[in-house]
Protein backbone atom coordinates (compact mmCIF):
# COMPACT_ATOMS: atom_id res chain seq x y z
CA MET A 1 0.00 0.00 0.00
CA THR A 2 1.26 3.47 -0.89
CA ARG A 3 2.09 5.56 2.17
CA GLY A 4 2.42 9.33 1.79
CA ALA A 5 4.12 11.51 -0.79
CA PRO A 6 6.72 10.12 -3.22
CA LEU A 7 10.08 9.30 -1.70
CA LEU A 8 11.62 8.71 -5.13
CA GLN A 9 10.57 10.44 -8.34
CA VAL A 10 12.18 9.44 -11.64
CA SER A 11 11.40 11.54 -14.72
CA GLY A 12 12.48 11.23 -18.35
CA LEU A 13 15.42 8.96 -17.56
CA SER A 14 17.45 7.84 -20.58
CA LYS A 15 20.79 6.10 -20.99
CA ARG A 16 22.59 5.16 -24.21
CA PHE A 17 25.57 2.82 -24.36
CA GLY A 18 28.16 4.23 -26.74
CA LYS A 19 27.65 7.06 -29.19
CA ALA A 20 26.18 4.78 -31.85
CA GLY A 21 24.92 2.04 -29.56
CA PRO A 22 21.36 1.11 -28.69
CA ALA A 23 19.55 3.07 -26.01
CA GLY A 24 19.76 1.20 -22.72
CA LEU A 25 16.79 3.11 -21.31
CA ARG A 26 14.41 5.52 -22.99
CA ASP A 27 12.33 8.14 -21.21
CA ILE A 28 11.62 6.17 -18.02
CA GLY A 29 9.44 7.74 -15.35
CA PHE A 30 7.89 6.43 -12.11
CA SER A 31 7.47 7.26 -8.44
CA LEU A 32 7.93 5.30 -5.22
CA SER A 33 6.38 6.20 -1.88
CA ARG A 34 7.63 5.61 1.64
CA GLY A 35 6.91 2.10 2.87
CA GLU A 36 6.03 0.88 -0.63
CA THR A 37 7.53 -1.87 -2.77
CA LEU A 38 7.76 -1.12 -6.48
CA ALA A 39 8.89 -4.03 -8.62
CA ILE A 40 10.67 -3.60 -11.92
CA ALA A 41 10.30 -6.65 -14.16
CA GLY A 42 11.52 -7.53 -17.61
CA ALA A 43 13.39 -10.12 -19.58
CA SER A 44 17.18 -10.26 -19.62
CA GLY A 45 18.55 -7.17 -21.36
CA SER A 46 15.41 -5.10 -20.80
CA GLY A 47 17.28 -2.49 -18.74
CA LYS A 48 16.37 -3.46 -15.17
CA THR A 49 19.89 -3.44 -13.73
CA THR A 50 20.85 -0.31 -15.67
CA LEU A 51 17.87 1.46 -14.12
CA ALA A 52 18.90 0.31 -10.64
CA GLN A 53 22.46 1.56 -11.19
CA LEU A 54 21.20 4.94 -12.41
CA VAL A 55 18.98 5.38 -9.35
CA LEU A 56 21.96 4.56 -7.15
CA ARG A 57 24.22 6.97 -9.09
CA LEU A 58 26.53 4.09 -10.02
CA GLN A 59 25.99 5.20 -13.63
CA GLU A 60 25.15 8.65 -14.97
CA PRO A 61 22.01 9.21 -17.06
CA ASP A 62 22.16 10.99 -20.41
CA HIS A 63 18.86 12.72 -19.71
CA GLY A 64 16.29 12.94 -16.94
CA THR A 65 16.13 13.51 -13.21
CA ILE A 66 16.10 11.35 -10.08
CA GLN A 67 14.65 13.05 -7.02
CA LEU A 68 15.14 11.40 -3.63
CA LEU A 69 13.54 13.03 -0.60
CA GLY A 70 12.72 16.01 -2.82
CA GLN A 71 16.36 16.52 -3.89
CA ASP A 72 17.60 16.02 -7.45
CA ILE A 73 20.46 13.59 -6.85
CA THR A 74 21.48 13.65 -10.52
CA ARG A 75 22.92 17.11 -9.79
CA LEU A 76 24.83 16.05 -6.69
CA GLY A 77 28.52 15.21 -6.57
CA GLY A 78 31.42 15.07 -4.16
CA GLU A 79 30.63 15.66 -0.51
CA ALA A 80 26.95 16.44 -1.17
CA LEU A 81 26.44 13.01 -2.77
CA ARG A 82 28.42 11.27 -0.01
CA ARG A 83 26.11 12.82 2.58
CA MET A 84 23.11 11.38 0.73
CA ARG A 85 24.57 7.88 0.32
CA PRO A 86 23.35 6.49 3.67
CA ARG A 87 19.76 7.21 2.59
CA PHE A 88 19.78 4.80 -0.37
CA GLN A 89 21.48 1.42 -0.33
CA MET A 90 21.58 -1.72 -2.47
CA VAL A 91 21.47 -5.50 -2.05
CA PHE A 92 22.93 -7.41 -4.98
CA GLN A 93 22.03 -10.79 -6.44
CA ASP A 94 25.46 -12.32 -5.80
CA SER A 95 26.27 -11.66 -2.16
CA MET A 96 29.59 -13.51 -2.43
CA ALA A 97 30.82 -11.14 -5.14
CA ALA A 98 29.62 -8.14 -3.09
CA PHE A 99 31.93 -8.96 -0.15
CA ASN A 100 35.67 -8.89 0.35
CA PRO A 101 36.27 -12.65 0.67
CA ARG A 102 39.03 -12.07 3.23
CA ALA A 103 36.93 -9.82 5.46
CA SER A 104 35.03 -11.22 8.42
CA VAL A 105 31.37 -10.45 8.98
CA ARG A 106 32.53 -8.04 11.69
CA ARG A 107 34.68 -6.06 9.22
CA ILE A 108 31.99 -6.17 6.52
CA LEU A 109 29.42 -4.65 8.87
CA GLU A 110 31.79 -2.16 10.49
CA ALA A 111 32.57 -0.63 7.11
CA PRO A 112 29.33 1.35 6.49
CA LEU A 113 29.30 2.63 10.07
CA ARG A 114 32.85 3.92 9.78
CA ILE A 115 32.67 5.18 6.18
CA HIS A 116 29.58 7.25 6.95
CA LYS A 117 30.84 8.18 10.43
CA LEU A 118 27.78 6.72 12.11
CA ALA A 119 29.68 5.15 15.02
CA ALA A 120 33.17 5.23 16.51
CA LYS A 121 35.18 2.04 16.08
CA GLY A 122 34.73 0.99 19.70
CA ALA A 123 30.98 1.50 19.53
CA CYS A 124 30.34 -0.56 16.41
CA GLU A 125 30.01 -4.07 17.83
CA PRO A 126 26.78 -3.63 19.85
CA ILE A 127 25.13 -1.95 16.84
CA ILE A 128 26.29 -4.75 14.54
CA ILE A 129 25.08 -7.50 16.86
CA ARG A 130 21.63 -5.90 17.15
CA MET A 131 21.39 -5.74 13.36
CA LEU A 132 22.55 -9.33 12.97
CA GLU A 133 19.80 -10.39 15.36
CA LYS A 134 17.25 -8.44 13.31
CA VAL A 135 18.17 -10.44 10.22
CA GLY A 136 18.16 -13.79 12.00
CA LEU A 137 21.86 -14.21 12.74
CA GLY A 138 23.90 -13.58 15.88
CA ALA A 139 27.22 -12.67 17.50
CA GLU A 140 28.55 -16.15 16.71
CA HIS A 141 28.75 -15.10 13.05
CA LEU A 142 30.99 -12.07 13.65
CA ASP A 143 34.29 -13.77 12.92
CA ARG A 144 33.06 -15.94 10.05
CA LEU A 145 34.29 -15.36 6.49
CA PRO A 146 31.78 -15.14 3.62
CA ARG A 147 32.83 -18.51 2.17
CA SER A 148 31.94 -20.23 5.45
CA LEU A 149 28.35 -18.96 5.31
CA SER A 150 25.46 -20.46 3.38
CA GLY A 151 23.91 -18.48 0.53
CA GLY A 152 20.98 -17.48 2.71
CA GLN A 153 23.27 -16.39 5.55
CA ARG A 154 25.36 -14.29 3.16
CA GLN A 155 22.24 -12.56 1.87
CA ARG A 156 21.17 -11.85 5.45
CA VAL A 157 24.58 -10.23 6.05
CA ALA A 158 24.13 -8.21 2.85
CA ILE A 159 20.74 -6.97 4.06
CA ALA A 160 22.19 -6.17 7.48
CA ARG A 161 25.00 -4.16 5.89
CA ALA A 162 22.51 -2.17 3.80
CA MET A 163 20.20 -1.50 6.77
CA LEU A 164 22.96 -0.29 9.11
CA THR A 165 22.86 3.22 7.60
CA GLN A 166 19.08 3.40 8.27
CA PRO A 167 18.26 4.07 4.61
CA GLN A 168 14.87 5.26 3.39
CA LEU A 169 15.30 3.42 0.07
CA LEU A 170 16.69 -0.04 -0.57
CA VAL A 171 17.32 -1.18 -4.15
CA LEU A 172 17.20 -4.97 -4.39
CA ASP A 173 18.60 -6.42 -7.64
CA GLU A 174 17.37 -10.03 -7.98
CA PRO A 175 17.99 -10.54 -4.24
CA VAL A 176 16.66 -14.10 -4.01
CA SER A 177 17.17 -15.54 -7.49
CA ALA A 178 20.35 -17.41 -6.48
CA LEU A 179 18.72 -19.06 -3.44
CA ASP A 180 16.85 -22.33 -2.95
CA LEU A 181 13.07 -22.01 -2.80
CA SER A 182 12.81 -22.56 0.96
CA ILE A 183 15.54 -20.01 1.70
CA ARG A 184 14.01 -17.62 -0.83
CA ALA A 185 10.77 -17.54 1.16
CA GLN A 186 12.68 -16.84 4.40
CA ILE A 187 14.53 -13.87 2.87
CA LEU A 188 11.33 -12.44 1.38
CA ASN A 189 9.63 -12.69 4.76
CA LEU A 190 12.62 -11.00 6.39
CA LEU A 191 12.36 -8.10 3.91
CA LEU A 192 8.65 -7.75 4.59
CA ASP A 193 9.26 -7.74 8.36
CA LEU A 194 11.98 -5.08 8.07
CA GLN A 195 9.71 -2.94 5.91
CA GLU A 196 6.88 -3.21 8.40
CA GLU A 197 9.22 -2.25 11.24
CA THR A 198 11.07 0.63 9.58
CA GLY A 199 8.81 1.96 6.81
CA ILE A 200 11.60 1.57 4.26
CA ALA A 201 10.75 1.66 0.55
CA TYR A 202 11.98 -1.09 -1.78
CA LEU A 203 12.80 -0.86 -5.47
CA PHE A 204 12.69 -4.57 -6.26
CA ILE A 205 14.34 -5.69 -9.50
CA SER A 206 13.34 -9.15 -10.73
CA HIS A 207 12.40 -11.22 -13.76
CA ASP A 208 10.41 -13.59 -11.52
CA LEU A 209 6.73 -12.64 -11.38
CA ALA A 210 5.99 -15.22 -8.69
CA VAL A 211 8.41 -13.41 -6.36
CA ILE A 212 7.07 -10.01 -7.40
CA ASN A 213 3.50 -11.18 -6.75
CA ALA A 214 4.55 -12.08 -3.21
CA VAL A 215 6.10 -8.77 -2.20
CA ALA A 216 5.31 -5.86 -4.52
CA ASP A 217 2.55 -3.26 -4.20
CA ARG A 218 3.08 -1.98 -7.73
CA LEU A 219 4.81 -3.26 -10.83
CA ILE A 220 6.41 -1.71 -13.89
CA VAL A 221 7.55 -3.79 -16.85
CA LEU A 222 10.49 -2.89 -19.09
CA ASP A 223 11.00 -4.15 -22.63
CA GLU A 224 14.09 -3.20 -24.63
CA GLY A 225 14.67 -0.14 -22.48
CA ARG A 226 11.09 1.15 -22.56
CA LEU A 227 8.46 1.15 -19.84
CA VAL A 228 5.59 -0.81 -21.41
CA GLU A 229 3.28 -1.45 -18.44
CA GLU A 230 2.62 -0.02 -14.99
CA GLY A 231 0.03 -0.56 -12.28
CA ALA A 232 -0.95 -2.34 -9.09
CA THR A 233 0.74 -5.74 -9.11
CA ALA A 234 -2.47 -7.77 -8.83
CA ALA A 235 -4.16 -5.77 -11.60
CA VAL A 236 -1.21 -6.06 -14.01
CA LEU A 237 -0.87 -9.80 -13.45
CA ALA A 238 -4.62 -10.38 -13.78
CA ALA A 239 -4.99 -8.43 -17.02
CA PRO A 240 -1.63 -7.74 -18.67
CA GLN A 241 -1.75 -5.29 -21.57
CA ALA A 242 1.81 -5.54 -22.93
CA GLU A 243 3.16 -8.51 -24.86
CA ALA A 244 6.32 -8.41 -22.73
CA THR A 245 4.23 -8.83 -19.57
CA ARG A 246 2.26 -11.71 -21.07
CA ALA A 247 5.54 -13.42 -21.99
CA LEU A 248 6.83 -13.09 -18.41
CA ILE A 249 3.56 -14.52 -17.04
CA ALA A 250 3.72 -17.43 -19.48
CA ALA A 251 7.16 -18.32 -18.10
CA VAL A 252 5.75 -18.80 -14.57
CA PRO A 253 4.25 -22.27 -14.01
CA ARG A 254 1.75 -20.97 -11.49
CA LEU A 255 1.42 -17.64 -9.69
CA PRO A 256 0.53 -18.23 -6.03
CA PRO A 257 -2.40 -16.28 -4.56
CA GLY A 258 -0.07 -14.02 -2.54
CA GLY A 259 2.56 -14.06 0.19
CA PRO A 260 6.00 -15.67 0.07
CA GLY A 261 4.94 -18.58 2.26
């Protein structure tokens, strides 16, 4: 359910790869409210990850604006952008690749607190342990290396790292696609619990409409860099208008009635 005024407003966003290359994204616009989950779906190559990277300022758009908390972050740079960074974070598909393999969980989770000057070094551990407990882990994991954790545990650490800065927006790029079905449901439930507790907004990137059906309030569908469908998730899935949406639905054996289980 949408809660309040837009937290994120994207307008006319375009990105071309190379001077003569195809447009990665063309004139994309959408909004996301506090406490809401907006899913972005599309086949491989449709522009989902490019859009996520633009919102996070990991790439620069050719045209358009991205307003977060009423501020145009496409115009920010240097110290002004660094001050905004704690407010929007990301969880990647491959948690193993997102971590320094030689860093312990303790070091991984200390990093955002120290980089953003949110806690002195000696004060980090109690904050980290509380966050680990929120994501279903504990102090016994502090000295573990990423390779010694299961895929689900690594994704819990990735979520904990992102949440430590108390962001208002979390971009999730295929966050459960690499996990077994049973673990996938646990991580989706964890995300829903954290959203209920904190009011965080999620921009949820996925090609899997069954997952989207479980967590997303609204859905937009991309096809070859264009936004071809938008609406409440249940309405879009019940009566898809775009061929790209119908193709995604056809790839799902059966959409459950709702909830990650």
